[in-house]
């Protein structure tokens, strides 16, 4: 998995270019869902 700060930096580059960008919140990973 990419580090959290790397994901956020990647997202900022896309957003700064005017591309709507979200980071999916991980749900259910404690039950492999």
ModelCIF file with pLDDT and N, C-alpha, C, O atoms, coordinates in Angstrom:
data_MODEL
#
_entry.id   MODEL 
#
_entity.id                         1 
_entity.type                       polymer 
_entity.pdbx_number_of_molecules   1 
#
_entity_poly.entity_id                      1 
_entity_poly.type                           'polypeptide(L)' 
_entity_poly.nstd_linkage                   no 
_entity_poly.nstd_monomer                   no 
_entity_poly.pdbx_seq_one_letter_code       
;(UNK)(UNK)(UNK)(UNK)(UNK)(UNK)(UNK)(UNK)(UNK)(UNK)(UNK)(UNK)(UNK)(UNK)(UNK)(UNK)
(UNK)(UNK)(UNK)(UNK)(UNK)(UNK)(UNK)(UNK)(UNK)(UNK)(UNK)(UNK)(UNK)(UNK)(UNK)(UNK)
(UNK)
;
_entity_poly.pdbx_seq_one_letter_code_can   XXXXXXXXXXXXXXXXXXXXXXXXXXXXXXXXX 
_entity_poly.pdbx_strand_id                 A 
#
loop_
_entity_poly_seq.entity_id 
_entity_poly_seq.num 
_entity_poly_seq.mon_id 
_entity_poly_seq.hetero 
1 1  UNK n 
1 2  UNK n 
1 3  UNK n 
1 4  UNK n 
1 5  UNK n 
1 6  UNK n 
1 7  UNK n 
1 8  UNK n 
1 9  UNK n 
1 10 UNK n 
1 11 UNK n 
1 12 UNK n 
1 13 UNK n 
1 14 UNK n 
1 15 UNK n 
1 16 UNK n 
1 17 UNK n 
1 18 UNK n 
1 19 UNK n 
1 20 UNK n 
1 21 UNK n 
1 22 UNK n 
1 23 UNK n 
1 24 UNK n 
1 25 UNK n 
1 26 UNK n 
1 27 UNK n 
1 28 UNK n 
1 29 UNK n 
1 30 UNK n 
1 31 UNK n 
1 32 UNK n 
1 33 UNK n 
#
_struct_asym.id          A 
_struct_asym.entity_id   1 
#
loop_
_ma_qa_metric.id 
_ma_qa_metric.mode 
_ma_qa_metric.name 
_ma_qa_metric.software_group_id 
_ma_qa_metric.type 
1 global pLDDT . pLDDT 
2 local  pLDDT . pLDDT 
#
_ma_qa_metric_global.metric_id      1 
_ma_qa_metric_global.metric_value   86.30 
_ma_qa_metric_global.model_id       1 
_ma_qa_metric_global.ordinal_id     1 
#
loop_
_ma_qa_metric_local.label_asym_id 
_ma_qa_metric_local.label_comp_id 
_ma_qa_metric_local.label_seq_id 
_ma_qa_metric_local.metric_id 
_ma_qa_metric_local.metric_value 
_ma_qa_metric_local.model_id 
_ma_qa_metric_local.ordinal_id 
A UNK 1  2 94.00 1 1  
A UNK 2  2 96.00 1 2  
A UNK 3  2 96.00 1 3  
A UNK 4  2 95.00 1 4  
A UNK 5  2 96.00 1 5  
A UNK 6  2 97.00 1 6  
A UNK 7  2 97.00 1 7  
A UNK 8  2 97.00 1 8  
A UNK 9  2 98.00 1 9  
A UNK 10 2 98.00 1 10 
A UNK 11 2 98.00 1 11 
A UNK 12 2 98.00 1 12 
A UNK 13 2 98.00 1 13 
A UNK 14 2 98.00 1 14 
A UNK 15 2 98.00 1 15 
A UNK 16 2 98.00 1 16 
A UNK 17 2 98.00 1 17 
A UNK 18 2 97.00 1 18 
A UNK 19 2 97.00 1 19 
A UNK 20 2 97.00 1 20 
A UNK 21 2 98.00 1 21 
A UNK 22 2 97.00 1 22 
A UNK 23 2 95.00 1 23 
A UNK 24 2 83.00 1 24 
A UNK 25 2 77.00 1 25 
A UNK 26 2 69.00 1 26 
A UNK 27 2 58.00 1 27 
A UNK 28 2 56.00 1 28 
A UNK 29 2 60.00 1 29 
A UNK 30 2 58.00 1 30 
A UNK 31 2 50.00 1 31 
A UNK 32 2 58.00 1 32 
A UNK 33 2 48.00 1 33 
#
loop_
_atom_site.group_PDB 
_atom_site.id 
_atom_site.type_symbol 
_atom_site.label_atom_id 
_atom_site.label_alt_id 
_atom_site.label_comp_id 
_atom_site.label_asym_id 
_atom_site.label_entity_id 
_atom_site.label_seq_id 
_atom_site.pdbx_PDB_ins_code 
_atom_site.Cartn_x 
_atom_site.Cartn_y 
_atom_site.Cartn_z 
_atom_site.occupancy 
_atom_site.B_iso_or_equiv 
_atom_site.pdbx_formal_charge 
_atom_site.auth_seq_id 
_atom_site.auth_comp_id 
_atom_site.auth_asym_id 
_atom_site.auth_atom_id 
_atom_site.pdbx_PDB_model_num 
ATOM 1   N N  . UNK A 1 1  ? 0.829   -1.203 0.000   1.00 94.00 ? 1  UNK A N  1 
ATOM 2   C CA . UNK A 1 1  ? 0.000   0.000  0.000   1.00 94.00 ? 1  UNK A CA 1 
ATOM 3   C C  . UNK A 1 1  ? 0.865   1.254  0.000   1.00 94.00 ? 1  UNK A C  1 
ATOM 4   O O  . UNK A 1 1  ? 1.853   1.342  0.729   1.00 94.00 ? 1  UNK A O  1 
ATOM 5   N N  . UNK A 1 2  ? 0.481   2.218  -0.823  1.00 96.00 ? 2  UNK A N  1 
ATOM 6   C CA . UNK A 1 2  ? 1.175   3.508  -0.806  1.00 96.00 ? 2  UNK A CA 1 
ATOM 7   C C  . UNK A 1 2  ? 1.008   4.172  0.563   1.00 96.00 ? 2  UNK A C  1 
ATOM 8   O O  . UNK A 1 2  ? -0.036  4.044  1.204   1.00 96.00 ? 2  UNK A O  1 
ATOM 9   N N  . UNK A 1 3  ? 2.035   4.871  0.994   1.00 96.00 ? 3  UNK A N  1 
ATOM 10  C CA . UNK A 1 3  ? 1.960   5.593  2.260   1.00 96.00 ? 3  UNK A CA 1 
ATOM 11  C C  . UNK A 1 3  ? 0.907   6.694  2.165   1.00 96.00 ? 3  UNK A C  1 
ATOM 12  O O  . UNK A 1 3  ? 0.643   7.233  1.090   1.00 96.00 ? 3  UNK A O  1 
ATOM 13  N N  . UNK A 1 4  ? 0.312   7.015  3.313   1.00 95.00 ? 4  UNK A N  1 
ATOM 14  C CA . UNK A 1 4  ? -0.773  7.993  3.338   1.00 95.00 ? 4  UNK A CA 1 
ATOM 15  C C  . UNK A 1 4  ? -0.338  9.347  2.788   1.00 95.00 ? 4  UNK A C  1 
ATOM 16  O O  . UNK A 1 4  ? -1.081  9.976  2.036   1.00 95.00 ? 4  UNK A O  1 
ATOM 17  N N  . UNK A 1 5  ? 0.875   9.808  3.161   1.00 96.00 ? 5  UNK A N  1 
ATOM 18  C CA . UNK A 1 5  ? 1.316   11.116 2.675   1.00 96.00 ? 5  UNK A CA 1 
ATOM 19  C C  . UNK A 1 5  ? 1.557   11.103 1.166   1.00 96.00 ? 5  UNK A C  1 
ATOM 20  O O  . UNK A 1 5  ? 1.397   12.124 0.497   1.00 96.00 ? 5  UNK A O  1 
ATOM 21  N N  . UNK A 1 6  ? 1.945   9.935  0.631   1.00 97.00 ? 6  UNK A N  1 
ATOM 22  C CA . UNK A 1 6  ? 2.144   9.818  -0.819  1.00 97.00 ? 6  UNK A CA 1 
ATOM 23  C C  . UNK A 1 6  ? 0.794   9.893  -1.541  1.00 97.00 ? 6  UNK A C  1 
ATOM 24  O O  . UNK A 1 6  ? 0.674   10.532 -2.586  1.00 97.00 ? 6  UNK A O  1 
ATOM 25  N N  . UNK A 1 7  ? -0.219  9.230  -0.967  1.00 97.00 ? 7  UNK A N  1 
ATOM 26  C CA . UNK A 1 7  ? -1.566  9.275  -1.553  1.00 97.00 ? 7  UNK A CA 1 
ATOM 27  C C  . UNK A 1 7  ? -2.082  10.709 -1.558  1.00 97.00 ? 7  UNK A C  1 
ATOM 28  O O  . UNK A 1 7  ? -2.636  11.171 -2.555  1.00 97.00 ? 7  UNK A O  1 
ATOM 29  N N  . UNK A 1 8  ? -1.897  11.412 -0.441  1.00 97.00 ? 8  UNK A N  1 
ATOM 30  C CA . UNK A 1 8  ? -2.389  12.789 -0.343  1.00 97.00 ? 8  UNK A CA 1 
ATOM 31  C C  . UNK A 1 8  ? -1.654  13.707 -1.321  1.00 97.00 ? 8  UNK A C  1 
ATOM 32  O O  . UNK A 1 8  ? -2.273  14.580 -1.928  1.00 97.00 ? 8  UNK A O  1 
ATOM 33  N N  . UNK A 1 9  ? -0.347  13.519 -1.479  1.00 98.00 ? 9  UNK A N  1 
ATOM 34  C CA . UNK A 1 9  ? 0.419   14.338 -2.425  1.00 98.00 ? 9  UNK A CA 1 
ATOM 35  C C  . UNK A 1 9  ? -0.040  14.078 -3.854  1.00 98.00 ? 9  UNK A C  1 
ATOM 36  O O  . UNK A 1 9  ? -0.166  15.008 -4.651  1.00 98.00 ? 9  UNK A O  1 
ATOM 37  N N  . UNK A 1 10 ? -0.290  12.809 -4.176  1.00 98.00 ? 10 UNK A N  1 
ATOM 38  C CA . UNK A 1 10 ? -0.781  12.415 -5.497  1.00 98.00 ? 10 UNK A CA 1 
ATOM 39  C C  . UNK A 1 10 ? -2.136  13.071 -5.761  1.00 98.00 ? 10 UNK A C  1 
ATOM 40  O O  . UNK A 1 10 ? -2.381  13.607 -6.842  1.00 98.00 ? 10 UNK A O  1 
ATOM 41  N N  . UNK A 1 11 ? -3.012  13.020 -4.750  1.00 98.00 ? 11 UNK A N  1 
ATOM 42  C CA . UNK A 1 11 ? -4.347  13.611 -4.871  1.00 98.00 ? 11 UNK A CA 1 
ATOM 43  C C  . UNK A 1 11 ? -4.262  15.115 -5.090  1.00 98.00 ? 11 UNK A C  1 
ATOM 44  O O  . UNK A 1 11 ? -5.027  15.677 -5.874  1.00 98.00 ? 11 UNK A O  1 
ATOM 45  N N  . UNK A 1 12 ? -3.326  15.773 -4.391  1.00 98.00 ? 12 UNK A N  1 
ATOM 46  C CA . UNK A 1 12 ? -3.194  17.229 -4.530  1.00 98.00 ? 12 UNK A CA 1 
ATOM 47  C C  . UNK A 1 12 ? -2.779  17.622 -5.946  1.00 98.00 ? 12 UNK A C  1 
ATOM 48  O O  . UNK A 1 12 ? -3.269  18.607 -6.496  1.00 98.00 ? 12 UNK A O  1 
ATOM 49  N N  . UNK A 1 13 ? -1.872  16.840 -6.526  1.00 98.00 ? 13 UNK A N  1 
ATOM 50  C CA . UNK A 1 13 ? -1.436  17.139 -7.894  1.00 98.00 ? 13 UNK A CA 1 
ATOM 51  C C  . UNK A 1 13 ? -2.612  17.075 -8.866  1.00 98.00 ? 13 UNK A C  1 
ATOM 52  O O  . UNK A 1 13 ? -2.755  17.944 -9.726  1.00 98.00 ? 13 UNK A O  1 
ATOM 53  N N  . UNK A 1 14 ? -3.451  16.049 -8.733  1.00 98.00 ? 14 UNK A N  1 
ATOM 54  C CA . UNK A 1 14 ? -4.615  15.931 -9.603  1.00 98.00 ? 14 UNK A CA 1 
ATOM 55  C C  . UNK A 1 14 ? -5.599  17.071 -9.351  1.00 98.00 ? 14 UNK A C  1 
ATOM 56  O O  . UNK A 1 14 ? -6.099  17.694 -10.287 1.00 98.00 ? 14 UNK A O  1 
ATOM 57  N N  . UNK A 1 15 ? -5.867  17.334 -8.073  1.00 98.00 ? 15 UNK A N  1 
ATOM 58  C CA . UNK A 1 15 ? -6.827  18.381 -7.726  1.00 98.00 ? 15 UNK A CA 1 
ATOM 59  C C  . UNK A 1 15 ? -6.345  19.758 -8.185  1.00 98.00 ? 15 UNK A C  1 
ATOM 60  O O  . UNK A 1 15 ? -7.133  20.564 -8.680  1.00 98.00 ? 15 UNK A O  1 
ATOM 61  N N  . UNK A 1 16 ? -5.057  20.020 -8.018  1.00 98.00 ? 16 UNK A N  1 
ATOM 62  C CA . UNK A 1 16 ? -4.505  21.315 -8.435  1.00 98.00 ? 16 UNK A CA 1 
ATOM 63  C C  . UNK A 1 16 ? -4.602  21.516 -9.946  1.00 98.00 ? 16 UNK A C  1 
ATOM 64  O O  . UNK A 1 16 ? -4.588  22.644 -10.437 1.00 98.00 ? 16 UNK A O  1 
ATOM 65  N N  . UNK A 1 17 ? -4.701  20.399 -10.676 1.00 98.00 ? 17 UNK A N  1 
ATOM 66  C CA . UNK A 1 17 ? -4.862  20.474 -12.130 1.00 98.00 ? 17 UNK A CA 1 
ATOM 67  C C  . UNK A 1 17 ? -6.331  20.607 -12.521 1.00 98.00 ? 17 UNK A C  1 
ATOM 68  O O  . UNK A 1 17 ? -6.665  20.622 -13.706 1.00 98.00 ? 17 UNK A O  1 
ATOM 69  N N  . UNK A 1 18 ? -7.208  20.704 -11.520 1.00 97.00 ? 18 UNK A N  1 
ATOM 70  C CA . UNK A 1 18 ? -8.629  20.888 -11.786 1.00 97.00 ? 18 UNK A CA 1 
ATOM 71  C C  . UNK A 1 18 ? -9.409  19.607 -11.961 1.00 97.00 ? 18 UNK A C  1 
ATOM 72  O O  . UNK A 1 18 ? -10.540 19.638 -12.446 1.00 97.00 ? 18 UNK A O  1 
ATOM 73  N N  . UNK A 1 19 ? -8.828  18.470 -11.575 1.00 97.00 ? 19 UNK A N  1 
ATOM 74  C CA . UNK A 1 19 ? -9.511  17.180 -11.687 1.00 97.00 ? 19 UNK A CA 1 
ATOM 75  C C  . UNK A 1 19 ? -10.100 16.818 -10.326 1.00 97.00 ? 19 UNK A C  1 
ATOM 76  O O  . UNK A 1 19 ? -9.372  16.750 -9.335  1.00 97.00 ? 19 UNK A O  1 
ATOM 77  N N  . UNK A 1 20 ? -11.409 16.588 -10.269 1.00 97.00 ? 20 UNK A N  1 
ATOM 78  C CA . UNK A 1 20 ? -12.055 16.202 -9.019  1.00 97.00 ? 20 UNK A CA 1 
ATOM 79  C C  . UNK A 1 20 ? -11.456 14.879 -8.551  1.00 97.00 ? 20 UNK A C  1 
ATOM 80  O O  . UNK A 1 20 ? -11.439 13.900 -9.297  1.00 97.00 ? 20 UNK A O  1 
ATOM 81  N N  . UNK A 1 21 ? -10.971 14.854 -7.324  1.00 98.00 ? 21 UNK A N  1 
ATOM 82  C CA . UNK A 1 21 ? -10.252 13.686 -6.815  1.00 98.00 ? 21 UNK A CA 1 
ATOM 83  C C  . UNK A 1 21 ? -10.685 13.397 -5.389  1.00 98.00 ? 21 UNK A C  1 
ATOM 84  O O  . UNK A 1 21 ? -10.739 14.298 -4.551  1.00 98.00 ? 21 UNK A O  1 
ATOM 85  N N  . UNK A 1 22 ? -10.992 12.138 -5.118  1.00 97.00 ? 22 UNK A N  1 
ATOM 86  C CA . UNK A 1 22 ? -11.316 11.706 -3.767  1.00 97.00 ? 22 UNK A CA 1 
ATOM 87  C C  . UNK A 1 22 ? -10.407 10.540 -3.390  1.00 97.00 ? 22 UNK A C  1 
ATOM 88  O O  . UNK A 1 22 ? -9.907  9.825  -4.258  1.00 97.00 ? 22 UNK A O  1 
ATOM 89  N N  . UNK A 1 23 ? -10.203 10.361 -2.114  1.00 95.00 ? 23 UNK A N  1 
ATOM 90  C CA . UNK A 1 23 ? -9.479  9.195  -1.600  1.00 95.00 ? 23 UNK A CA 1 
ATOM 91  C C  . UNK A 1 23 ? -10.499 8.326  -0.897  1.00 95.00 ? 23 UNK A C  1 
ATOM 92  O O  . UNK A 1 23 ? -11.119 8.748  0.080   1.00 95.00 ? 23 UNK A O  1 
ATOM 93  N N  . UNK A 1 24 ? -10.672 7.116  -1.393  1.00 83.00 ? 24 UNK A N  1 
ATOM 94  C CA . UNK A 1 24 ? -11.706 6.248  -0.839  1.00 83.00 ? 24 UNK A CA 1 
ATOM 95  C C  . UNK A 1 24 ? -11.388 5.891  0.606   1.00 83.00 ? 24 UNK A C  1 
ATOM 96  O O  . UNK A 1 24 ? -10.277 5.472  0.932   1.00 83.00 ? 24 UNK A O  1 
ATOM 97  N N  . UNK A 1 25 ? -12.382 6.066  1.458   1.00 77.00 ? 25 UNK A N  1 
ATOM 98  C CA . UNK A 1 25 ? -12.257 5.636  2.843   1.00 77.00 ? 25 UNK A CA 1 
ATOM 99  C C  . UNK A 1 25 ? -12.357 4.122  2.885   1.00 77.00 ? 25 UNK A C  1 
ATOM 100 O O  . UNK A 1 25 ? -13.308 3.547  2.356   1.00 77.00 ? 25 UNK A O  1 
ATOM 101 N N  . UNK A 1 26 ? -11.392 3.481  3.502   1.00 69.00 ? 26 UNK A N  1 
ATOM 102 C CA . UNK A 1 26 ? -11.405 2.024  3.576   1.00 69.00 ? 26 UNK A CA 1 
ATOM 103 C C  . UNK A 1 26 ? -12.470 1.568  4.572   1.00 69.00 ? 26 UNK A C  1 
ATOM 104 O O  . UNK A 1 26 ? -12.449 1.957  5.740   1.00 69.00 ? 26 UNK A O  1 
ATOM 105 N N  . UNK A 1 27 ? -13.394 0.742  4.099   1.00 58.00 ? 27 UNK A N  1 
ATOM 106 C CA . UNK A 1 27 ? -14.463 0.224  4.943   1.00 58.00 ? 27 UNK A CA 1 
ATOM 107 C C  . UNK A 1 27 ? -14.384 -1.293 4.977   1.00 58.00 ? 27 UNK A C  1 
ATOM 108 O O  . UNK A 1 27 ? -14.127 -1.937 3.959   1.00 58.00 ? 27 UNK A O  1 
ATOM 109 N N  . UNK A 1 28 ? -14.611 -1.862 6.168   1.00 56.00 ? 28 UNK A N  1 
ATOM 110 C CA . UNK A 1 28 ? -14.726 -3.309 6.287   1.00 56.00 ? 28 UNK A CA 1 
ATOM 111 C C  . UNK A 1 28 ? -13.441 -4.078 6.142   1.00 56.00 ? 28 UNK A C  1 
ATOM 112 O O  . UNK A 1 28 ? -13.477 -5.287 5.916   1.00 56.00 ? 28 UNK A O  1 
ATOM 113 N N  . UNK A 1 29 ? -12.270 -3.401 6.267   1.00 60.00 ? 29 UNK A N  1 
ATOM 114 C CA . UNK A 1 29 ? -11.031 -4.147 6.062   1.00 60.00 ? 29 UNK A CA 1 
ATOM 115 C C  . UNK A 1 29 ? -10.750 -5.132 7.186   1.00 60.00 ? 29 UNK A C  1 
ATOM 116 O O  . UNK A 1 29 ? -9.966  -6.065 7.010   1.00 60.00 ? 29 UNK A O  1 
ATOM 117 N N  . UNK A 1 30 ? -11.394 -4.931 8.365   1.00 58.00 ? 30 UNK A N  1 
ATOM 118 C CA . UNK A 1 30 ? -11.199 -5.886 9.457   1.00 58.00 ? 30 UNK A CA 1 
ATOM 119 C C  . UNK A 1 30 ? -11.922 -7.204 9.220   1.00 58.00 ? 30 UNK A C  1 
ATOM 120 O O  . UNK A 1 30 ? -11.678 -8.177 9.934   1.00 58.00 ? 30 UNK A O  1 
ATOM 121 N N  . UNK A 1 31 ? -12.816 -7.250 8.219   1.00 50.00 ? 31 UNK A N  1 
ATOM 122 C CA . UNK A 1 31 ? -13.493 -8.504 7.862   1.00 50.00 ? 31 UNK A CA 1 
ATOM 123 C C  . UNK A 1 31 ? -13.196 -8.874 6.404   1.00 50.00 ? 31 UNK A C  1 
ATOM 124 O O  . UNK A 1 31 ? -13.941 -9.634 5.786   1.00 50.00 ? 31 UNK A O  1 
ATOM 125 N N  . UNK A 1 32 ? -12.095 -8.326 5.863   1.00 58.00 ? 32 UNK A N  1 
ATOM 126 C CA . UNK A 1 32 ? -11.698 -8.573 4.468   1.00 58.00 ? 32 UNK A CA 1 
ATOM 127 C C  . UNK A 1 32 ? -12.828 -8.259 3.497   1.00 58.00 ? 32 UNK A C  1 
ATOM 128 O O  . UNK A 1 32 ? -13.093 -9.013 2.561   1.00 58.00 ? 32 UNK A O  1 
ATOM 129 N N  . UNK A 1 33 ? -13.490 -7.125 3.740   1.00 48.00 ? 33 UNK A N  1 
ATOM 130 C CA . UNK A 1 33 ? -14.594 -6.715 2.875   1.00 48.00 ? 33 UNK A CA 1 
ATOM 131 C C  . UNK A 1 33 ? -14.259 -5.460 2.091   1.00 48.00 ? 33 UNK A C  1 
ATOM 132 O O  . UNK A 1 33 ? -15.083 -4.980 1.313   1.00 48.00 ? 33 UNK A O  1 
#
